[in-house]
Amino acid sequence: SGGDWMVQYRFIIPAVPFLSLALVFCLNEFIIL
């Protein structure tokens, strides 16, 4: 879509919960390793 003209990354918001999950998955692996 080429991004969005509206402020603060509207098109990314639906991915934010899943970015949070993926990041903590990696952090958990890092802590264990």
PDB file of all heavy atoms in Angstrom:
ATOM      1  N   SER A   1       0.815  -1.221   0.000  1.00  0.00           N
ATOM      2  CA  SER A   1       0.000   0.000   0.000  1.00  0.00           C
ATOM      3  C   SER A   1       0.845   1.266   0.000  1.00  0.00           C
ATOM      4  O   SER A   1       0.314   2.363  -0.190  1.00  0.00           O
ATOM      5  CB  SER A   1      -0.929   0.006   1.221  1.00  0.00           C
ATOM      6  OG  SER A   1      -0.163   0.009   2.417  1.00  0.00           O
ATOM      7  N   GLY A   2       2.146   1.117   0.243  1.00  0.00           N
ATOM      8  CA  GLY A   2       3.015   2.295   0.265  1.00  0.00           C
ATOM      9  C   GLY A   2       2.971   3.062   1.565  1.00  0.00           C
ATOM     10  O   GLY A   2       3.339   4.234   1.618  1.00  0.00           O
ATOM     11  N   GLY A   3       2.529   2.394   2.635  1.00  0.00           N
ATOM     12  CA  GLY A   3       2.411   3.081   3.919  1.00  0.00           C
ATOM     13  C   GLY A   3       1.126   3.879   4.010  1.00  0.00           C
ATOM     14  O   GLY A   3       0.199   3.680   3.219  1.00  0.00           O
ATOM     15  N   ASP A   4       1.090   4.806   4.922  1.00  0.00           N
ATOM     16  CA  ASP A   4      -0.138   5.557   5.204  1.00  0.00           C
ATOM     17  C   ASP A   4       0.221   6.996   5.519  1.00  0.00           C
ATOM     18  O   ASP A   4       1.255   7.271   6.136  1.00  0.00           O
ATOM     19  CB  ASP A   4      -0.853   4.902   6.393  1.00  0.00           C
ATOM     20  CG  ASP A   4      -2.163   5.568   6.727  1.00  0.00           C
ATOM     21  OD1 ASP A   4      -2.870   5.989   5.794  1.00  0.00           O
ATOM     22  OD2 ASP A   4      -2.493   5.675   7.924  1.00  0.00           O
ATOM     23  N   TRP A   5      -0.652   7.920   5.110  1.00  0.00           N
ATOM     24  CA  TRP A   5      -0.377   9.339   5.359  1.00  0.00           C
ATOM     25  C   TRP A   5      -0.705   9.765   6.780  1.00  0.00           C
ATOM     26  O   TRP A   5      -0.223  10.790   7.255  1.00  0.00           O
ATOM     27  CB  TRP A   5      -1.164  10.203   4.367  1.00  0.00           C
ATOM     28  CG  TRP A   5      -2.659  10.117   4.543  1.00  0.00           C
ATOM     29  CD1 TRP A   5      -3.498   9.240   3.938  1.00  0.00           C
ATOM     30  CD2 TRP A   5      -3.482  10.929   5.388  1.00  0.00           C
ATOM     31  NE1 TRP A   5      -4.801   9.445   4.341  1.00  0.00           N
ATOM     32  CE2 TRP A   5      -4.820  10.476   5.235  1.00  0.00           C
ATOM     33  CE3 TRP A   5      -3.233  11.985   6.261  1.00  0.00           C
ATOM     34  CZ2 TRP A   5      -5.882  11.052   5.924  1.00  0.00           C
ATOM     35  CZ3 TRP A   5      -4.296  12.561   6.947  1.00  0.00           C
ATOM     36  CH2 TRP A   5      -5.605  12.086   6.768  1.00  0.00           C
ATOM     37  N   MET A   6      -1.530   8.977   7.480  1.00  0.00           N
ATOM     38  CA  MET A   6      -1.936   9.362   8.834  1.00  0.00           C
ATOM     39  C   MET A   6      -0.786   9.171   9.826  1.00  0.00           C
ATOM     40  O   MET A   6       0.086   8.328   9.619  1.00  0.00           O
ATOM     41  CB  MET A   6      -3.149   8.553   9.272  1.00  0.00           C
ATOM     42  CG  MET A   6      -4.398   8.854   8.478  1.00  0.00           C
ATOM     43  SD  MET A   6      -5.849   7.993   9.165  1.00  0.00           S
ATOM     44  CE  MET A   6      -7.075   8.416   7.942  1.00  0.00           C
ATOM     45  N   VAL A   7      -0.832   9.918  10.908  1.00  0.00           N
ATOM     46  CA  VAL A   7       0.263   9.908  11.880  1.00  0.00           C
ATOM     47  C   VAL A   7       0.338   8.581  12.637  1.00  0.00           C
ATOM     48  O   VAL A   7      -0.641   7.855  12.751  1.00  0.00           O
ATOM     49  CB  VAL A   7       0.109  11.061  12.901  1.00  0.00           C
ATOM     50  CG1 VAL A   7       0.157  12.397  12.208  1.00  0.00           C
ATOM     51  CG2 VAL A   7      -1.164  10.914  13.727  1.00  0.00           C
ATOM     52  N   GLN A   8       1.534   8.285  13.128  1.00  0.00           N
ATOM     53  CA  GLN A   8       1.782   7.211  14.084  1.00  0.00           C
ATOM     54  C   GLN A   8       1.419   5.808  13.580  1.00  0.00           C
ATOM     55  O   GLN A   8       0.830   5.018  14.297  1.00  0.00           O
ATOM     56  CB  GLN A   8       1.098   7.523  15.419  1.00  0.00           C
ATOM     57  CG  GLN A   8       1.755   8.643  16.197  1.00  0.00           C
ATOM     58  CD  GLN A   8       3.215   8.361  16.533  1.00  0.00           C
ATOM     59  OE1 GLN A   8       3.583   7.229  16.841  1.00  0.00           O
ATOM     60  NE2 GLN A   8       4.054   9.387  16.469  1.00  0.00           N
ATOM     61  N   TYR A   9       1.784   5.521  12.341  1.00  0.00           N
ATOM     62  CA  TYR A   9       1.925   4.152  11.851  1.00  0.00           C
ATOM     63  C   TYR A   9       0.679   3.277  12.029  1.00  0.00           C
ATOM     64  O   TYR A   9       0.736   2.176  12.558  1.00  0.00           O
ATOM     65  CB  TYR A   9       3.141   3.499  12.526  1.00  0.00           C
ATOM     66  CG  TYR A   9       4.344   4.404  12.499  1.00  0.00           C
ATOM     67  CD1 TYR A   9       4.743   5.101  13.636  1.00  0.00           C
ATOM     68  CD2 TYR A   9       5.037   4.618  11.312  1.00  0.00           C
ATOM     69  CE1 TYR A   9       5.831   5.967  13.595  1.00  0.00           C
ATOM     70  CE2 TYR A   9       6.125   5.489  11.260  1.00  0.00           C
ATOM     71  CZ  TYR A   9       6.512   6.155  12.406  1.00  0.00           C
ATOM     72  OH  TYR A   9       7.575   7.017  12.348  1.00  0.00           O
ATOM     73  N   ARG A  10      -0.432   3.798  11.527  1.00  0.00           N
ATOM     74  CA  ARG A  10      -1.708   3.085  11.649  1.00  0.00           C
ATOM     75  C   ARG A  10      -1.639   1.674  11.079  1.00  0.00           C
ATOM     76  O   ARG A  10      -2.205   0.733  11.651  1.00  0.00           O
ATOM     77  CB  ARG A  10      -2.810   3.884  10.944  1.00  0.00           C
ATOM     78  CG  ARG A  10      -4.168   3.198  10.920  1.00  0.00           C
ATOM     79  CD  ARG A  10      -5.226   4.079  10.296  1.00  0.00           C
ATOM     80  NE  ARG A  10      -4.908   4.456   8.937  1.00  0.00           N
ATOM     81  CZ  ARG A  10      -5.810   4.462   7.938  1.00  0.00           C
ATOM     82  NH1 ARG A  10      -7.049   4.085   8.165  1.00  0.00           N
ATOM     83  NH2 ARG A  10      -5.465   4.851   6.727  1.00  0.00           N
ATOM     84  N   PHE A  11      -0.945   1.508   9.959  1.00  0.00           N
ATOM     85  CA  PHE A  11      -0.926   0.203   9.291  1.00  0.00           C
ATOM     86  C   PHE A  11      -0.093  -0.838  10.040  1.00  0.00           C
ATOM     87  O   PHE A  11      -0.200  -2.031   9.763  1.00  0.00           O
ATOM     88  CB  PHE A  11      -0.391   0.346   7.861  1.00  0.00           C
ATOM     89  CG  PHE A  11      -1.381   0.939   6.900  1.00  0.00           C
ATOM     90  CD1 PHE A  11      -2.654   1.329   7.307  1.00  0.00           C
ATOM     91  CD2 PHE A  11      -1.053   1.120   5.563  1.00  0.00           C
ATOM     92  CE1 PHE A  11      -3.569   1.882   6.424  1.00  0.00           C
ATOM     93  CE2 PHE A  11      -1.962   1.663   4.664  1.00  0.00           C
ATOM     94  CZ  PHE A  11      -3.221   2.053   5.095  1.00  0.00           C
ATOM     95  N   ILE A  12       0.735  -0.395  10.988  1.00  0.00           N
ATOM     96  CA  ILE A  12       1.572  -1.342  11.744  1.00  0.00           C
ATOM     97  C   ILE A  12       0.864  -1.850  12.996  1.00  0.00           C
ATOM     98  O   ILE A  12       1.207  -2.915  13.521  1.00  0.00           O
ATOM     99  CB  ILE A  12       2.915  -0.688  12.148  1.00  0.00           C
ATOM    100  CG1 ILE A  12       3.619  -0.104  10.931  1.00  0.00           C
ATOM    101  CG2 ILE A  12       3.830  -1.682  12.851  1.00  0.00           C
ATOM    102  CD1 ILE A  12       4.177  -1.107   9.973  1.00  0.00           C
ATOM    103  N   ILE A  13      -0.135  -1.107  13.485  1.00  0.00           N
ATOM    104  CA  ILE A  13      -0.752  -1.421  14.780  1.00  0.00           C
ATOM    105  C   ILE A  13      -1.211  -2.878  14.893  1.00  0.00           C
ATOM    106  O   ILE A  13      -0.964  -3.522  15.920  1.00  0.00           O
ATOM    107  CB  ILE A  13      -1.947  -0.478  15.078  1.00  0.00           C
ATOM    108  CG1 ILE A  13      -1.539   0.979  14.956  1.00  0.00           C
ATOM    109  CG2 ILE A  13      -2.508  -0.752  16.473  1.00  0.00           C
ATOM    110  CD1 ILE A  13      -0.414   1.389  15.842  1.00  0.00           C
ATOM    111  N   PRO A  14      -1.885  -3.464  13.885  1.00  0.00           N
ATOM    112  CA  PRO A  14      -2.311  -4.862  14.043  1.00  0.00           C
ATOM    113  C   PRO A  14      -1.162  -5.837  14.281  1.00  0.00           C
ATOM    114  O   PRO A  14      -1.371  -6.917  14.851  1.00  0.00           O
ATOM    115  CB  PRO A  14      -3.013  -5.164  12.707  1.00  0.00           C
ATOM    116  CG  PRO A  14      -3.480  -3.827  12.226  1.00  0.00           C
ATOM    117  CD  PRO A  14      -2.401  -2.874  12.637  1.00  0.00           C
ATOM    118  N   ALA A  15       0.053  -5.458  13.868  1.00  0.00           N
ATOM    119  CA  ALA A  15       1.211  -6.331  14.071  1.00  0.00           C
ATOM    120  C   ALA A  15       1.855  -6.146  15.440  1.00  0.00           C
ATOM    121  O   ALA A  15       2.638  -6.999  15.877  1.00  0.00           O
ATOM    122  CB  ALA A  15       2.257  -6.081  12.978  1.00  0.00           C
ATOM    123  N   VAL A  16       1.543  -5.047  16.133  1.00  0.00           N
ATOM    124  CA  VAL A  16       2.217  -4.720  17.396  1.00  0.00           C
ATOM    125  C   VAL A  16       2.077  -5.822  18.455  1.00  0.00           C
ATOM    126  O   VAL A  16       3.071  -6.192  19.097  1.00  0.00           O
ATOM    127  CB  VAL A  16       1.739  -3.354  17.937  1.00  0.00           C
ATOM    128  CG1 VAL A  16       2.152  -3.160  19.398  1.00  0.00           C
ATOM    129  CG2 VAL A  16       2.309  -2.236  17.082  1.00  0.00           C
ATOM    130  N   PRO A  17       0.876  -6.390  18.696  1.00  0.00           N
ATOM    131  CA  PRO A  17       0.793  -7.481  19.679  1.00  0.00           C
ATOM    132  C   PRO A  17       1.669  -8.675  19.304  1.00  0.00           C
ATOM    133  O   PRO A  17       2.255  -9.318  20.182  1.00  0.00           O
ATOM    134  CB  PRO A  17      -0.697  -7.868  19.654  1.00  0.00           C
ATOM    135  CG  PRO A  17      -1.397  -6.693  19.082  1.00  0.00           C
ATOM    136  CD  PRO A  17      -0.451  -6.070  18.117  1.00  0.00           C
ATOM    137  N   PHE A  18       1.792  -8.951  18.023  1.00  0.00           N
ATOM    138  CA  PHE A  18       2.548 -10.109  17.560  1.00  0.00           C
ATOM    139  C   PHE A  18       4.049  -9.806  17.537  1.00  0.00           C
ATOM    140  O   PHE A  18       4.866 -10.701  17.772  1.00  0.00           O
ATOM    141  CB  PHE A  18       2.022 -10.550  16.199  1.00  0.00           C
ATOM    142  CG  PHE A  18       0.569 -10.949  16.258  1.00  0.00           C
ATOM    143  CD1 PHE A  18      -0.433 -10.020  15.992  1.00  0.00           C
ATOM    144  CD2 PHE A  18       0.202 -12.224  16.631  1.00  0.00           C
ATOM    145  CE1 PHE A  18      -1.770 -10.369  16.084  1.00  0.00           C
ATOM    146  CE2 PHE A  18      -1.137 -12.590  16.719  1.00  0.00           C
ATOM    147  CZ  PHE A  18      -2.124 -11.662  16.450  1.00  0.00           C
ATOM    148  N   LEU A  19       4.416  -8.546  17.282  1.00  0.00           N
ATOM    149  CA  LEU A  19       5.810  -8.127  17.457  1.00  0.00           C
ATOM    150  C   LEU A  19       6.229  -8.281  18.910  1.00  0.00           C
ATOM    151  O   LEU A  19       7.349  -8.715  19.211  1.00  0.00           O
ATOM    152  CB  LEU A  19       5.984  -6.675  17.017  1.00  0.00           C
ATOM    153  CG  LEU A  19       5.953  -6.384  15.511  1.00  0.00           C
ATOM    154  CD1 LEU A  19       5.846  -4.872  15.275  1.00  0.00           C
ATOM    155  CD2 LEU A  19       7.192  -6.929  14.827  1.00  0.00           C
ATOM    156  N   SER A  20       5.315  -7.935  19.820  1.00  0.00           N
ATOM    157  CA  SER A  20       5.590  -8.061  21.260  1.00  0.00           C
ATOM    158  C   SER A  20       5.789  -9.518  21.646  1.00  0.00           C
ATOM    159  O   SER A  20       6.726  -9.850  22.393  1.00  0.00           O
ATOM    160  CB  SER A  20       4.431  -7.451  22.059  1.00  0.00           C
ATOM    161  OG  SER A  20       4.195  -6.109  21.688  1.00  0.00           O
ATOM    162  N   LEU A  21       4.925 -10.394  21.134  1.00  0.00           N
ATOM    163  CA  LEU A  21       5.065 -11.823  21.412  1.00  0.00           C
ATOM    164  C   LEU A  21       6.375 -12.373  20.850  1.00  0.00           C
ATOM    165  O   LEU A  21       7.099 -13.111  21.530  1.00  0.00           O
ATOM    166  CB  LEU A  21       3.889 -12.588  20.795  1.00  0.00           C
ATOM    167  CG  LEU A  21       2.559 -12.550  21.542  1.00  0.00           C
ATOM    168  CD1 LEU A  21       1.437 -13.077  20.663  1.00  0.00           C
ATOM    169  CD2 LEU A  21       2.633 -13.361  22.842  1.00  0.00           C
ATOM    170  N   ALA A  22       6.695 -12.012  19.610  1.00  0.00           N
ATOM    171  CA  ALA A  22       7.922 -12.515  18.977  1.00  0.00           C
ATOM    172  C   ALA A  22       9.161 -12.047  19.731  1.00  0.00           C
ATOM    173  O   ALA A  22      10.109 -12.820  19.933  1.00  0.00           O
ATOM    174  CB  ALA A  22       7.982 -12.045  17.522  1.00  0.00           C
ATOM    175  N   LEU A  23       9.161 -10.777  20.156  1.00  0.00           N
ATOM    176  CA  LEU A  23      10.301 -10.243  20.889  1.00  0.00           C
ATOM    177  C   LEU A  23      10.501 -10.980  22.207  1.00  0.00           C
ATOM    178  O   LEU A  23      11.630 -11.364  22.558  1.00  0.00           O
ATOM    179  CB  LEU A  23      10.108  -8.746  21.141  1.00  0.00           C
ATOM    180  CG  LEU A  23      11.162  -8.051  22.012  1.00  0.00           C
ATOM    181  CD1 LEU A  23      12.565  -8.278  21.459  1.00  0.00           C
ATOM    182  CD2 LEU A  23      10.869  -6.560  22.135  1.00  0.00           C
ATOM    183  N   VAL A  24       9.430 -11.220  22.945  1.00  0.00           N
ATOM    184  CA  VAL A  24       9.550 -11.890  24.238  1.00  0.00           C
ATOM    185  C   VAL A  24       9.908 -13.372  24.048  1.00  0.00           C
ATOM    186  O   VAL A  24      10.626 -13.952  24.861  1.00  0.00           O
ATOM    187  CB  VAL A  24       8.258 -11.724  25.075  1.00  0.00           C
ATOM    188  CG1 VAL A  24       8.347 -12.506  26.381  1.00  0.00           C
ATOM    189  CG2 VAL A  24       8.035 -10.239  25.379  1.00  0.00           C
ATOM    190  N   PHE A  25       9.432 -13.980  22.983  1.00  0.00           N
ATOM    191  CA  PHE A  25       9.881 -15.333  22.635  1.00  0.00           C
ATOM    192  C   PHE A  25      11.405 -15.367  22.520  1.00  0.00           C
ATOM    193  O   PHE A  25      12.074 -16.244  23.088  1.00  0.00           O
ATOM    194  CB  PHE A  25       9.269 -15.775  21.303  1.00  0.00           C
ATOM    195  CG  PHE A  25       8.148 -16.766  21.444  1.00  0.00           C
ATOM    196  CD1 PHE A  25       6.859 -16.437  21.080  1.00  0.00           C
ATOM    197  CD2 PHE A  25       8.385 -18.045  21.923  1.00  0.00           C
ATOM    198  CE1 PHE A  25       5.819 -17.335  21.196  1.00  0.00           C
ATOM    199  CE2 PHE A  25       7.354 -18.966  22.045  1.00  0.00           C
ATOM    200  CZ  PHE A  25       6.062 -18.613  21.677  1.00  0.00           C
ATOM    201  N   CYS A  26      11.967 -14.414  21.769  1.00  0.00           N
ATOM    202  CA  CYS A  26      13.415 -14.358  21.571  1.00  0.00           C
ATOM    203  C   CYS A  26      14.147 -14.032  22.868  1.00  0.00           C
ATOM    204  O   CYS A  26      15.209 -14.609  23.156  1.00  0.00           O
ATOM    205  CB  CYS A  26      13.759 -13.328  20.493  1.00  0.00           C
ATOM    206  SG  CYS A  26      13.238 -13.810  18.842  1.00  0.00           S
ATOM    207  N   LEU A  27      13.598 -13.108  23.651  1.00  0.00           N
ATOM    208  CA  LEU A  27      14.207 -12.774  24.943  1.00  0.00           C
ATOM    209  C   LEU A  27      14.221 -13.988  25.874  1.00  0.00           C
ATOM    210  O   LEU A  27      15.216 -14.241  26.569  1.00  0.00           O
ATOM    211  CB  LEU A  27      13.436 -11.629  25.607  1.00  0.00           C
ATOM    212  CG  LEU A  27      13.706 -10.216  25.098  1.00  0.00           C
ATOM    213  CD1 LEU A  27      12.805  -9.225  25.806  1.00  0.00           C
ATOM    214  CD2 LEU A  27      15.162  -9.839  25.303  1.00  0.00           C
ATOM    215  N   ASN A  28      13.132 -14.725  25.878  1.00  0.00           N
ATOM    216  CA  ASN A  28      13.052 -15.924  26.712  1.00  0.00           C
ATOM    217  C   ASN A  28      14.115 -16.946  26.307  1.00  0.00           C
ATOM    218  O   ASN A  28      14.775 -17.552  27.158  1.00  0.00           O
ATOM    219  CB  ASN A  28      11.656 -16.534  26.590  1.00  0.00           C
ATOM    220  CG  ASN A  28      11.392 -17.596  27.636  1.00  0.00           C
ATOM    221  OD1 ASN A  28      11.680 -17.413  28.810  1.00  0.00           O
ATOM    222  ND2 ASN A  28      10.849 -18.724  27.217  1.00  0.00           N
ATOM    223  N   GLU A  29      14.296 -17.144  24.999  1.00  0.00           N
ATOM    224  CA  GLU A  29      15.329 -18.052  24.497  1.00  0.00           C
ATOM    225  C   GLU A  29      16.722 -17.560  24.886  1.00  0.00           C
ATOM    226  O   GLU A  29      17.595 -18.351  25.256  1.00  0.00           O
ATOM    227  CB  GLU A  29      15.233 -18.170  22.971  1.00  0.00           C
ATOM    228  CG  GLU A  29      14.053 -18.986  22.485  1.00  0.00           C
ATOM    229  CD  GLU A  29      14.170 -20.452  22.845  1.00  0.00           C
ATOM    230  OE1 GLU A  29      15.259 -21.041  22.648  1.00  0.00           O
ATOM    231  OE2 GLU A  29      13.181 -21.007  23.360  1.00  0.00           O
ATOM    232  N   PHE A  30      16.923 -16.241  24.804  1.00  0.00           N
ATOM    233  CA  PHE A  30      18.214 -15.639  25.170  1.00  0.00           C
ATOM    234  C   PHE A  30      18.518 -15.861  26.652  1.00  0.00           C
ATOM    235  O   PHE A  30      19.648 -16.228  27.022  1.00  0.00           O
ATOM    236  CB  PHE A  30      18.180 -14.151  24.841  1.00  0.00           C
ATOM    237  CG  PHE A  30      19.433 -13.410  25.202  1.00  0.00           C
ATOM    238  CD1 PHE A  30      20.588 -13.561  24.439  1.00  0.00           C
ATOM    239  CD2 PHE A  30      19.464 -12.565  26.305  1.00  0.00           C
ATOM    240  CE1 PHE A  30      21.749 -12.873  24.771  1.00  0.00           C
ATOM    241  CE2 PHE A  30      20.616 -11.876  26.645  1.00  0.00           C
ATOM    242  CZ  PHE A  30      21.768 -12.030  25.876  1.00  0.00           C
ATOM    243  N   ILE A  31      17.514 -15.654  27.496  1.00  0.00           N
ATOM    244  CA  ILE A  31      17.690 -15.836  28.940  1.00  0.00           C
ATOM    245  C   ILE A  31      18.014 -17.291  29.268  1.00  0.00           C
ATOM    246  O   ILE A  31      18.904 -17.580  30.099  1.00  0.00           O
ATOM    247  CB  ILE A  31      16.422 -15.372  29.696  1.00  0.00           C
ATOM    248  CG1 ILE A  31      16.287 -13.854  29.606  1.00  0.00           C
ATOM    249  CG2 ILE A  31      16.450 -15.818  31.148  1.00  0.00           C
ATOM    250  CD1 ILE A  31      14.936 -13.320  30.026  1.00  0.00           C
ATOM    251  N   ILE A  32      17.322 -18.205  28.612  1.00  0.00           N
ATOM    252  CA  ILE A  32      17.550 -19.640  28.851  1.00  0.00           C
ATOM    253  C   ILE A  32      18.929 -20.058  28.332  1.00  0.00           C
ATOM    254  O   ILE A  32      19.694 -20.754  29.027  1.00  0.00           O
ATOM    255  CB  ILE A  32      16.454 -20.484  28.171  1.00  0.00           C
ATOM    256  CG1 ILE A  32      15.103 -20.247  28.857  1.00  0.00           C
ATOM    257  CG2 ILE A  32      16.806 -21.977  28.226  1.00  0.00           C
ATOM    258  CD1 ILE A  32      13.928 -20.841  28.116  1.00  0.00           C
ATOM    259  N   LEU A  33      19.274 -19.635  27.119  1.00  0.00           N
ATOM    260  CA  LEU A  33      20.547 -20.024  26.500  1.00  0.00           C
ATOM    261  C   LEU A  33      21.742 -19.499  27.291  1.00  0.00           C
ATOM    262  O   LEU A  33      22.732 -20.209  27.504  1.00  0.00           O
ATOM    263  CB  LEU A  33      20.602 -19.504  25.066  1.00  0.00           C
ATOM    264  CG  LEU A  33      21.838 -19.898  24.245  1.00  0.00           C
ATOM    265  CD1 LEU A  33      21.859 -21.408  24.006  1.00  0.00           C
ATOM    266  CD2 LEU A  33      21.855 -19.153  22.911  1.00  0.00           C
TER     267      LEU A  33
END
